[in-house]
Every structure is written in C-alpha cells, then in structure tokens.
N, C-alpha and C. Protein backbone atom coordinates (compact mmCIF):
# COMPACT_ATOMS: atom_id res chain seq x y z
N MET A 1 -4.99 17.12 -1.46
CA MET A 1 -3.78 16.80 -0.97
C MET A 1 -2.73 17.53 -1.33
N ARG A 2 -2.44 18.25 -2.32
CA ARG A 2 -1.56 19.24 -2.58
C ARG A 2 -1.60 20.56 -2.23
N LYS A 3 -3.28 20.99 -1.71
CA LYS A 3 -3.32 22.05 -1.25
C LYS A 3 -3.19 22.16 0.01
N ALA A 4 -3.55 21.07 0.53
CA ALA A 4 -3.01 20.91 2.10
C ALA A 4 -1.60 20.98 2.46
N LEU A 5 -0.86 20.50 1.57
CA LEU A 5 0.67 20.43 2.02
C LEU A 5 1.32 21.81 1.61
N SER A 6 0.66 22.47 0.56
CA SER A 6 0.99 23.92 -0.13
C SER A 6 0.79 24.85 1.19
N SER A 7 -0.45 24.61 2.07
CA SER A 7 -1.10 25.34 3.05
C SER A 7 0.25 25.05 4.27
N ALA A 8 0.44 23.93 4.63
CA ALA A 8 1.33 23.30 5.46
C ALA A 8 2.87 24.26 5.19
N HIS A 9 3.22 24.47 3.97
CA HIS A 9 4.41 24.84 3.67
C HIS A 9 4.31 26.43 3.89
N GLU A 10 3.27 27.05 3.68
CA GLU A 10 3.02 28.50 3.90
C GLU A 10 3.52 28.67 5.20
N GLY A 11 2.84 27.91 5.99
CA GLY A 11 2.62 28.15 7.56
C GLY A 11 4.23 27.73 8.15
N ILE A 12 4.76 27.01 7.57
CA ILE A 12 6.11 27.09 7.88
C ILE A 12 7.22 28.31 7.55
N LYS A 13 6.80 28.62 6.18
CA LYS A 13 7.45 29.83 5.70
C LYS A 13 7.09 30.89 6.90
N GLU A 14 5.60 31.26 7.37
CA GLU A 14 5.24 32.19 8.11
C GLU A 14 6.14 32.11 9.64
N GLY A 15 6.64 30.96 9.63
CA GLY A 15 7.45 30.82 11.30
C GLY A 15 6.58 29.80 12.15
N LYS A 16 5.66 29.02 11.55
CA LYS A 16 4.89 28.37 12.34
C LYS A 16 5.72 26.94 12.49
N SER A 17 5.64 26.33 13.51
CA SER A 17 6.17 25.23 14.00
C SER A 17 5.87 24.23 12.80
N LEU A 18 6.86 23.21 12.63
CA LEU A 18 6.25 21.91 11.92
C LEU A 18 5.09 21.32 12.18
N TYR A 19 4.96 21.02 13.55
CA TYR A 19 3.94 20.31 14.24
C TYR A 19 2.37 21.39 13.95
N HIS A 20 2.61 22.31 14.09
CA HIS A 20 1.56 23.20 13.96
C HIS A 20 1.04 23.25 12.52
N SER A 21 1.85 23.31 11.74
CA SER A 21 1.69 23.68 10.15
C SER A 21 0.95 22.27 9.79
N LEU A 22 1.49 21.33 10.39
CA LEU A 22 0.92 19.73 9.59
C LEU A 22 -0.43 19.28 10.40
N GLU A 23 -0.56 20.00 11.72
CA GLU A 23 -1.88 19.75 12.72
C GLU A 23 -3.19 19.71 11.74
N ALA A 24 -3.34 20.39 11.04
CA ALA A 24 -4.66 20.59 10.17
C ALA A 24 -5.05 19.38 9.21
N LEU A 25 -3.63 18.89 8.76
CA LEU A 25 -3.94 17.94 7.83
C LEU A 25 -4.63 16.60 8.32
N SER A 26 -5.89 16.24 7.65
CA SER A 26 -6.39 15.19 8.36
C SER A 26 -5.94 13.81 8.06
N PHE A 27 -5.45 13.74 6.82
CA PHE A 27 -4.53 12.28 6.31
C PHE A 27 -3.28 11.88 7.10
N LEU A 28 -2.83 12.73 7.99
CA LEU A 28 -1.62 12.45 8.87
C LEU A 28 -2.12 11.63 9.72
N PRO A 29 -1.25 10.28 10.31
CA PRO A 29 -1.70 9.58 11.64
C PRO A 29 -1.49 10.56 12.77
N SER A 30 -2.13 10.48 13.91
CA SER A 30 -1.98 11.20 15.10
C SER A 30 -0.60 10.70 15.67
N ILE A 31 -0.17 9.65 15.54
CA ILE A 31 1.09 9.32 16.21
C ILE A 31 2.17 10.00 15.43
N MET A 32 2.18 10.38 14.20
CA MET A 32 3.36 11.08 13.41
C MET A 32 3.29 12.38 13.78
N LEU A 33 2.23 13.06 14.00
CA LEU A 33 2.10 14.46 14.74
C LEU A 33 2.48 14.60 16.06
N LYS A 34 2.29 13.29 16.91
CA LYS A 34 2.57 13.64 18.32
C LYS A 34 4.24 13.48 18.51
N MET A 35 4.83 12.21 17.55
CA MET A 35 6.13 12.29 17.40
C MET A 35 6.97 13.78 17.05
N ILE A 36 6.23 14.29 16.07
CA ILE A 36 7.04 15.59 15.48
C ILE A 36 6.96 16.41 16.60
N LYS A 37 5.88 16.83 17.12
CA LYS A 37 6.01 17.52 18.27
C LYS A 37 6.79 17.51 19.27
N ILE A 38 7.04 16.03 19.85
CA ILE A 38 8.00 15.67 20.85
C ILE A 38 9.23 16.01 20.25
N GLY A 39 9.56 15.66 18.95
CA GLY A 39 10.95 15.77 18.20
C GLY A 39 11.25 17.67 18.23
N GLU A 40 10.07 18.24 18.04
CA GLU A 40 10.52 19.52 18.06
C GLU A 40 10.94 20.23 19.43
N ILE A 41 10.13 19.91 20.27
CA ILE A 41 10.46 20.03 21.70
C ILE A 41 11.46 19.71 22.36
N SER A 42 12.24 18.36 22.18
CA SER A 42 13.29 17.87 22.46
C SER A 42 14.44 18.16 21.75
N GLY A 43 14.13 18.69 20.42
CA GLY A 43 14.94 19.02 19.44
C GLY A 43 16.10 17.89 18.98
N THR A 44 15.06 16.83 18.81
CA THR A 44 15.78 15.68 18.17
C THR A 44 14.88 15.17 16.86
N LEU A 45 14.27 16.49 16.29
CA LEU A 45 13.74 16.08 14.95
C LEU A 45 14.05 15.22 13.92
N THR A 46 15.49 15.34 13.49
CA THR A 46 15.93 14.43 12.73
C THR A 46 15.89 12.96 12.99
N VAL A 47 15.99 12.74 14.28
CA VAL A 47 16.50 11.42 14.83
C VAL A 47 14.55 10.97 14.78
N ILE A 48 13.51 11.85 15.12
CA ILE A 48 12.35 11.27 15.09
C ILE A 48 11.84 11.04 13.76
N THR A 49 12.23 11.92 12.85
CA THR A 49 11.93 11.51 11.50
C THR A 49 12.64 10.37 10.70
N GLY A 50 13.51 10.10 11.26
CA GLY A 50 14.16 8.99 10.83
C GLY A 50 13.38 7.74 11.23
N ARG A 51 12.96 7.80 12.64
CA ARG A 51 12.44 6.58 13.08
C ARG A 51 10.83 6.45 12.28
N LEU A 52 10.36 7.77 12.18
CA LEU A 52 8.99 7.69 11.46
C LEU A 52 8.95 7.07 10.15
N ALA A 53 10.16 7.24 9.59
CA ALA A 53 10.63 6.72 7.97
C ALA A 53 10.50 5.35 8.02
N THR A 54 11.59 4.80 9.11
CA THR A 54 11.49 3.36 9.23
C THR A 54 10.05 2.87 9.69
N LEU A 55 9.52 3.27 10.57
CA LEU A 55 8.42 2.88 10.95
C LEU A 55 7.13 2.42 9.99
N PHE A 56 6.95 3.61 8.99
CA PHE A 56 6.21 3.69 7.81
C PHE A 56 6.62 2.73 6.98
N GLU A 57 7.92 2.59 6.78
CA GLU A 57 8.60 1.83 5.59
C GLU A 57 8.17 0.40 6.10
N GLN A 58 8.14 0.24 7.34
CA GLN A 58 7.65 -1.40 7.97
C GLN A 58 6.35 -1.86 7.66
N GLN A 59 5.56 -0.63 7.93
CA GLN A 59 4.13 -0.80 7.58
C GLN A 59 3.49 -1.17 6.20
N LEU A 60 4.46 -0.35 5.32
CA LEU A 60 4.25 -0.37 3.98
C LEU A 60 4.64 -1.77 3.32
N LYS A 61 5.71 -2.27 3.96
CA LYS A 61 6.29 -3.55 3.54
C LYS A 61 5.29 -4.73 3.97
N GLU A 62 4.61 -4.72 5.29
CA GLU A 62 3.63 -5.55 6.10
C GLU A 62 2.50 -5.63 5.13
N THR A 63 1.93 -4.26 4.54
CA THR A 63 0.85 -4.24 3.86
C THR A 63 0.82 -4.94 2.40
N THR A 64 2.01 -4.82 1.72
CA THR A 64 2.48 -5.24 0.61
C THR A 64 2.39 -6.66 0.87
N ASP A 65 3.09 -7.17 1.76
CA ASP A 65 2.98 -8.66 1.94
C ASP A 65 1.78 -9.40 1.99
N LYS A 66 0.92 -8.42 2.64
CA LYS A 66 -0.30 -9.22 2.72
C LYS A 66 -1.06 -9.09 1.77
N LEU A 67 -1.17 -8.28 0.97
CA LEU A 67 -1.64 -8.05 -0.41
C LEU A 67 -1.12 -9.07 -1.16
N GLY A 68 0.01 -9.35 -1.28
CA GLY A 68 0.41 -10.53 -2.07
C GLY A 68 0.01 -11.78 -1.47
N GLN A 69 -0.16 -12.00 -0.22
CA GLN A 69 -0.52 -13.48 0.14
C GLN A 69 -2.12 -13.51 0.01
N LEU A 70 -2.80 -12.36 -0.43
CA LEU A 70 -3.97 -12.54 -0.93
C LEU A 70 -4.46 -12.73 -2.29
N ILE A 71 -3.33 -11.74 -3.03
CA ILE A 71 -3.66 -12.15 -4.45
C ILE A 71 -3.05 -13.54 -5.02
N GLU A 72 -1.95 -13.89 -4.56
CA GLU A 72 -1.55 -15.19 -4.71
C GLU A 72 -2.53 -16.39 -5.20
N PRO A 73 -3.55 -16.65 -4.21
CA PRO A 73 -4.33 -17.83 -4.68
C PRO A 73 -5.20 -17.43 -5.60
N LEU A 74 -5.68 -16.36 -5.79
CA LEU A 74 -6.60 -15.87 -6.66
C LEU A 74 -5.94 -15.94 -8.13
N VAL A 75 -4.65 -15.64 -8.39
CA VAL A 75 -3.89 -16.23 -9.70
C VAL A 75 -3.74 -17.50 -9.98
N ILE A 76 -3.34 -18.15 -8.82
CA ILE A 76 -3.44 -19.48 -9.02
C ILE A 76 -4.85 -20.24 -9.33
N VAL A 77 -5.96 -20.10 -8.86
CA VAL A 77 -7.22 -20.17 -9.17
C VAL A 77 -7.35 -19.47 -10.64
N PHE A 78 -7.12 -18.50 -10.97
CA PHE A 78 -7.47 -18.05 -12.28
C PHE A 78 -6.75 -18.93 -13.46
N LEU A 79 -5.10 -19.19 -13.12
CA LEU A 79 -4.46 -19.94 -14.05
C LEU A 79 -5.09 -21.28 -13.95
N GLY A 80 -5.35 -22.03 -12.97
CA GLY A 80 -5.94 -23.20 -13.28
C GLY A 80 -7.22 -23.38 -14.22
N THR A 81 -8.10 -22.56 -13.89
CA THR A 81 -9.21 -22.23 -14.85
C THR A 81 -8.85 -22.12 -15.92
N LEU A 82 -7.96 -21.47 -16.39
CA LEU A 82 -7.43 -20.85 -17.79
C LEU A 82 -6.87 -22.52 -18.36
N VAL A 83 -6.28 -22.92 -17.63
CA VAL A 83 -5.40 -24.21 -18.16
C VAL A 83 -6.75 -25.29 -18.34
N GLY A 84 -7.38 -25.61 -17.21
CA GLY A 84 -8.54 -26.21 -17.52
C GLY A 84 -9.51 -26.05 -18.80
N GLY A 85 -9.83 -24.91 -18.93
CA GLY A 85 -10.55 -24.69 -20.22
C GLY A 85 -9.61 -24.91 -21.44
N LEU A 86 -8.39 -24.65 -21.51
CA LEU A 86 -7.75 -25.07 -22.64
C LEU A 86 -7.74 -26.64 -22.86
N VAL A 87 -7.49 -27.26 -21.94
CA VAL A 87 -7.23 -28.67 -22.01
C VAL A 87 -8.87 -29.15 -22.70
N LEU A 88 -9.89 -28.86 -21.89
CA LEU A 88 -11.12 -29.06 -22.40
C LEU A 88 -11.41 -28.85 -23.84
N SER A 89 -10.91 -27.65 -24.16
CA SER A 89 -11.17 -27.65 -25.71
C SER A 89 -10.47 -28.10 -26.67
N MET A 90 -9.14 -28.56 -26.18
CA MET A 90 -8.93 -29.46 -27.14
C MET A 90 -9.22 -30.89 -27.08
N TYR A 91 -9.46 -31.47 -25.98
CA TYR A 91 -9.82 -33.02 -25.31
C TYR A 91 -11.29 -33.19 -25.72
N LEU A 92 -12.34 -32.14 -26.02
CA LEU A 92 -13.74 -32.37 -26.07
C LEU A 92 -13.95 -32.90 -27.31
N PRO A 93 -13.47 -31.94 -28.39
CA PRO A 93 -13.57 -32.55 -29.80
C PRO A 93 -12.85 -33.87 -30.36
N ILE A 94 -12.05 -34.40 -29.44
CA ILE A 94 -11.40 -35.67 -29.70
C ILE A 94 -12.54 -36.64 -29.23
N PHE A 95 -12.79 -36.35 -28.01
CA PHE A 95 -13.81 -37.56 -27.35
C PHE A 95 -15.18 -37.71 -28.03
N SER A 96 -15.73 -36.37 -28.38
CA SER A 96 -16.98 -36.58 -29.30
C SER A 96 -16.56 -37.07 -30.74
N LEU A 97 -15.53 -37.02 -31.19
CA LEU A 97 -15.25 -37.75 -32.54
C LEU A 97 -14.90 -39.41 -32.08
N MET A 98 -14.58 -39.66 -31.31
CA MET A 98 -14.36 -41.18 -30.68
C MET A 98 -15.41 -41.60 -30.18
N SER A 99 -16.56 -41.16 -30.02
CA SER A 99 -18.07 -41.57 -29.79
C SER A 99 -18.74 -41.59 -30.76
N VAL A 100 -18.42 -41.11 -31.88
CA VAL A 100 -18.99 -41.15 -33.24
C VAL A 100 -18.61 -42.15 -34.11
N VAL A 101 -17.08 -42.29 -33.97
CA VAL A 101 -16.57 -43.44 -34.70
C VAL A 101 -16.52 -44.55 -33.73
N GLY A 102 -16.49 -44.91 -32.61
CA GLY A 102 -16.67 -46.08 -31.87
C GLY A 102 -17.90 -46.38 -31.21
C-alpha cells in the first residue's frame, strides 16, 4: 500500500491529475475515484473530498456499530459460562460433602 501511495505521489509531482494518479490504486473504491474526477473537472475538489470524508466516516461508524452488536452476545455468553463454571466449582464440593455426611 505504501508503494502504491508513493507512486501516486510521484504522479502528482510529475503534473498528473489526482484522479489519474490514484486511478491505478486497486484498493480505492470506484465511487471515490469518480467523485475526485468530478471534483477536479468542476473545480470543487475540496468540497468533494469533504463529502467523501463524511461518507467514509459514516461507513466506518456503521461498521463498528455492527461489529459491536455481533461481539456483545459472544461476550455475554463467555462471561455467563465463566461465572457458571466458578459457581459450579464452589458448590460441587459442598454438595458432594453433604451427600457423604447426609
């Protein structure tokens, strides 16, 4: 990734447009490249990049929220199993002692 960004940086230094420099990077979403191209043509690249930042920020928040919703039940099951194991390890000796005495 670092090499790809470095080559894009070199392309910009050589006078290529931002769109043409980033076009070869396979990890960038096509919507991002299209919006950058439109921003360069219309002269509103700063506005477009601000909108892109907002868009990707929202996507990141949604993804982390979904991940949290998936992990939460797993943590509850793990903690329940842990607490249940502790309770059993404490009470099983007491029950076995009572069966010997009683």
